[in-house]
Each structure stands twice: as C-alpha cells, then as structure tokens.
Amino acid sequence: MSFNYIAPAPDGAPKGEARDRAREMAKPVTPLSDRLRAGYGSLEMSMQTISGLCKEGRKCVLRDLHGGECWPCD
C-alpha cells in the first residue's frame, strides 16, 4: 500500500483565513478572454486540425470513417 505525502507548509507561511486571502489576491484579475494565450498555457491547436481524423465526434481521436462508436464519447 502506498500513500501520497503532502509536505506541510513552510514555517512562516500564512495559516487559515490569511492563506485563503493570499490565494485570492494572487489570482489574476484579467479574464482569460483578455489575456494572451501564452500567458496561461493555452494551445492554439486542437486534435481536429490534424488531417484524417473523424469529423463526426467533436472529441473523437479515431481515423475518419472508423467502424463503431467515436472515442471518447461527447
């Protein structure tokens, strides 16, 4: 059996409500729609831009005209 270990906060780190307030203050104020894609790690490409993939399912990663259901399902 294995356990995931989460290290405790370092000495001097805020506790309780102060920690929550610090986390809130650290969030960016600018909405994603107004930020550059490179600023939040978004990719401008999608799997559907690759030629030869299924056009029926929005998320389907199988080849075009495949037999059976799309995977993963919408």
N, C-alpha and C. Protein backbone atom coordinates (compact mmCIF):
# COMPACT_ATOMS: atom_id res chain seq x y z
N MET A 1 0.84 -1.16 0.00
CA MET A 1 0.00 0.00 0.00
C MET A 1 0.90 1.24 0.00
N SER A 2 0.57 2.23 -0.84
CA SER A 2 1.36 3.45 -0.89
C SER A 2 0.51 4.64 -0.47
N PHE A 3 1.17 5.64 0.06
CA PHE A 3 0.49 6.86 0.48
C PHE A 3 1.13 8.04 -0.22
N ASN A 4 0.29 8.97 -0.64
CA ASN A 4 0.82 10.22 -1.19
C ASN A 4 1.11 11.14 -0.02
N TYR A 5 2.29 11.70 0.00
CA TYR A 5 2.70 12.56 1.10
C TYR A 5 2.62 14.01 0.65
N ILE A 6 1.88 14.81 1.37
CA ILE A 6 1.80 16.23 1.09
C ILE A 6 2.61 16.93 2.18
N ALA A 7 3.65 17.59 1.77
CA ALA A 7 4.52 18.26 2.74
C ALA A 7 3.77 19.40 3.42
N PRO A 8 4.04 19.65 4.70
CA PRO A 8 3.39 20.77 5.38
C PRO A 8 3.91 22.10 4.85
N ALA A 9 3.15 23.16 5.10
CA ALA A 9 3.56 24.50 4.67
C ALA A 9 4.85 24.88 5.39
N PRO A 10 5.71 25.63 4.74
CA PRO A 10 6.96 26.04 5.39
C PRO A 10 6.68 26.97 6.57
N ASP A 11 7.64 27.07 7.47
CA ASP A 11 7.50 27.97 8.62
C ASP A 11 7.29 29.40 8.14
N GLY A 12 6.38 30.10 8.79
CA GLY A 12 6.13 31.49 8.43
C GLY A 12 5.07 31.66 7.36
N ALA A 13 4.58 30.56 6.78
CA ALA A 13 3.53 30.65 5.77
C ALA A 13 2.21 31.03 6.45
N PRO A 14 1.36 31.79 5.76
CA PRO A 14 0.08 32.17 6.37
C PRO A 14 -0.78 30.95 6.65
N LYS A 15 -1.62 31.05 7.66
CA LYS A 15 -2.50 29.94 8.04
C LYS A 15 -3.95 30.39 7.92
N GLY A 16 -4.85 29.46 7.70
CA GLY A 16 -6.29 29.70 7.74
C GLY A 16 -6.77 30.77 6.78
N GLU A 17 -7.50 31.75 7.34
CA GLU A 17 -8.10 32.80 6.51
C GLU A 17 -7.05 33.66 5.81
N ALA A 18 -5.92 33.87 6.46
CA ALA A 18 -4.85 34.65 5.82
C ALA A 18 -4.33 33.94 4.58
N ARG A 19 -4.23 32.62 4.64
CA ARG A 19 -3.78 31.83 3.48
C ARG A 19 -4.80 31.94 2.35
N ASP A 20 -6.09 31.83 2.71
CA ASP A 20 -7.14 31.92 1.69
C ASP A 20 -7.16 33.30 1.03
N ARG A 21 -6.97 34.34 1.84
CA ARG A 21 -6.94 35.70 1.29
C ARG A 21 -5.73 35.88 0.38
N ALA A 22 -4.59 35.36 0.78
CA ALA A 22 -3.38 35.46 -0.06
C ALA A 22 -3.58 34.74 -1.39
N ARG A 23 -4.24 33.59 -1.35
CA ARG A 23 -4.51 32.84 -2.58
C ARG A 23 -5.44 33.64 -3.50
N GLU A 24 -6.47 34.29 -2.92
CA GLU A 24 -7.40 35.10 -3.69
C GLU A 24 -6.67 36.28 -4.33
N MET A 25 -5.80 36.92 -3.55
CA MET A 25 -5.08 38.09 -4.06
C MET A 25 -4.09 37.71 -5.17
N ALA A 26 -3.61 36.47 -5.17
CA ALA A 26 -2.64 36.03 -6.17
C ALA A 26 -3.29 35.71 -7.51
N LYS A 27 -4.61 35.52 -7.53
CA LYS A 27 -5.29 35.21 -8.79
C LYS A 27 -5.25 36.42 -9.71
N PRO A 28 -5.06 36.21 -11.01
CA PRO A 28 -5.05 37.33 -11.94
C PRO A 28 -6.44 37.96 -12.04
N VAL A 29 -6.48 39.27 -12.21
CA VAL A 29 -7.75 39.99 -12.29
C VAL A 29 -8.27 40.00 -13.72
N THR A 30 -7.37 39.95 -14.68
CA THR A 30 -7.75 39.99 -16.09
C THR A 30 -8.38 38.66 -16.50
N PRO A 31 -9.57 38.68 -17.14
CA PRO A 31 -10.19 37.43 -17.58
C PRO A 31 -9.37 36.75 -18.69
N LEU A 32 -9.53 35.45 -18.81
CA LEU A 32 -8.78 34.69 -19.82
C LEU A 32 -8.99 35.25 -21.22
N SER A 33 -10.21 35.72 -21.51
CA SER A 33 -10.50 36.21 -22.85
C SER A 33 -9.67 37.44 -23.22
N ASP A 34 -9.20 38.19 -22.22
CA ASP A 34 -8.40 39.38 -22.49
C ASP A 34 -6.90 39.14 -22.40
N ARG A 35 -6.48 37.96 -21.97
CA ARG A 35 -5.06 37.66 -21.83
C ARG A 35 -4.52 36.97 -23.07
N LEU A 36 -3.21 37.08 -23.27
CA LEU A 36 -2.57 36.35 -24.36
C LEU A 36 -2.58 34.86 -24.04
N ARG A 37 -2.75 34.04 -25.06
CA ARG A 37 -2.79 32.59 -24.85
C ARG A 37 -1.51 32.08 -24.20
N ALA A 38 -0.38 32.65 -24.56
CA ALA A 38 0.89 32.20 -23.99
C ALA A 38 0.96 32.48 -22.50
N GLY A 39 0.15 33.40 -22.02
CA GLY A 39 0.19 33.77 -20.62
C GLY A 39 -0.45 32.77 -19.69
N TYR A 40 -1.33 31.93 -20.21
CA TYR A 40 -1.97 30.93 -19.35
C TYR A 40 -1.83 29.51 -19.88
N GLY A 41 -0.97 29.29 -20.83
CA GLY A 41 -0.64 27.94 -21.26
C GLY A 41 -1.61 27.30 -22.23
N SER A 42 -2.44 28.09 -22.89
CA SER A 42 -3.40 27.53 -23.83
C SER A 42 -2.73 27.27 -25.18
N LEU A 43 -3.10 26.19 -25.82
CA LEU A 43 -2.57 25.89 -27.14
C LEU A 43 -3.57 26.33 -28.19
N GLU A 44 -3.09 26.85 -29.30
CA GLU A 44 -3.99 27.31 -30.35
C GLU A 44 -4.39 26.18 -31.30
N MET A 45 -3.90 25.00 -31.06
CA MET A 45 -4.23 23.89 -31.96
C MET A 45 -5.19 22.93 -31.27
N SER A 46 -5.85 22.14 -32.04
CA SER A 46 -6.71 21.10 -31.48
C SER A 46 -6.48 19.83 -32.29
N MET A 47 -6.94 18.73 -31.74
CA MET A 47 -6.79 17.46 -32.45
C MET A 47 -7.55 17.48 -33.77
N GLN A 48 -8.62 18.28 -33.87
CA GLN A 48 -9.42 18.28 -35.09
C GLN A 48 -8.73 19.01 -36.24
N THR A 49 -7.62 19.70 -35.98
CA THR A 49 -6.90 20.34 -37.09
C THR A 49 -5.98 19.35 -37.79
N ILE A 50 -5.80 18.16 -37.24
CA ILE A 50 -4.97 17.14 -37.85
C ILE A 50 -5.79 16.45 -38.94
N SER A 51 -5.23 16.32 -40.11
CA SER A 51 -5.99 15.73 -41.21
C SER A 51 -6.19 14.23 -41.02
N GLY A 52 -7.33 13.74 -41.46
CA GLY A 52 -7.62 12.31 -41.42
C GLY A 52 -8.35 11.84 -40.18
N LEU A 53 -8.68 12.73 -39.26
CA LEU A 53 -9.41 12.32 -38.06
C LEU A 53 -10.91 12.40 -38.28
N CYS A 54 -11.64 11.74 -37.44
CA CYS A 54 -13.10 11.68 -37.51
C CYS A 54 -13.70 13.09 -37.44
N LYS A 55 -14.67 13.35 -38.29
CA LYS A 55 -15.33 14.66 -38.32
C LYS A 55 -16.67 14.64 -37.60
N GLU A 56 -17.15 13.47 -37.19
CA GLU A 56 -18.48 13.36 -36.56
C GLU A 56 -18.44 13.78 -35.10
N GLY A 57 -17.55 13.16 -34.33
CA GLY A 57 -17.47 13.47 -32.91
C GLY A 57 -16.55 14.64 -32.66
N ARG A 58 -16.94 15.56 -31.79
CA ARG A 58 -16.14 16.75 -31.51
C ARG A 58 -14.80 16.37 -30.90
N LYS A 59 -14.78 15.36 -30.03
CA LYS A 59 -13.55 14.98 -29.35
C LYS A 59 -12.92 13.70 -29.90
N CYS A 60 -13.54 13.09 -30.88
CA CYS A 60 -13.08 11.78 -31.36
C CYS A 60 -11.67 11.86 -31.93
N VAL A 61 -10.81 10.93 -31.51
CA VAL A 61 -9.42 10.91 -31.97
C VAL A 61 -9.15 9.76 -32.92
N LEU A 62 -10.19 9.06 -33.34
CA LEU A 62 -10.03 7.95 -34.27
C LEU A 62 -9.98 8.46 -35.71
N ARG A 63 -9.56 7.61 -36.61
CA ARG A 63 -9.46 7.97 -38.03
C ARG A 63 -10.84 8.18 -38.63
N ASP A 64 -10.89 8.96 -39.70
CA ASP A 64 -12.15 9.23 -40.40
C ASP A 64 -12.73 7.92 -40.95
N LEU A 65 -14.02 7.82 -40.93
CA LEU A 65 -14.77 6.64 -41.41
C LEU A 65 -14.43 5.37 -40.62
N HIS A 66 -14.13 5.51 -39.34
CA HIS A 66 -13.84 4.35 -38.50
C HIS A 66 -15.13 3.58 -38.22
N GLY A 67 -15.00 2.30 -37.90
CA GLY A 67 -16.16 1.49 -37.55
C GLY A 67 -16.43 1.60 -36.05
N GLY A 68 -17.69 1.56 -35.66
CA GLY A 68 -18.03 1.62 -34.24
C GLY A 68 -18.24 3.05 -33.76
N GLU A 69 -18.32 3.19 -32.44
CA GLU A 69 -18.60 4.49 -31.84
C GLU A 69 -17.34 5.36 -31.80
N CYS A 70 -17.58 6.66 -31.69
CA CYS A 70 -16.46 7.59 -31.51
C CYS A 70 -15.86 7.42 -30.12
N TRP A 71 -14.56 7.73 -30.01
CA TRP A 71 -13.91 7.65 -28.71
C TRP A 71 -13.05 8.88 -28.49
N PRO A 72 -13.07 9.54 -27.40
CA PRO A 72 -14.04 9.39 -26.32
C PRO A 72 -15.38 9.98 -26.73
N CYS A 73 -16.44 9.48 -26.13
CA CYS A 73 -17.78 9.94 -26.49
C CYS A 73 -17.99 11.36 -25.99
N ASP A 74 -18.84 12.12 -26.68
CA ASP A 74 -19.16 13.50 -26.25
C ASP A 74 -20.00 13.49 -25.01
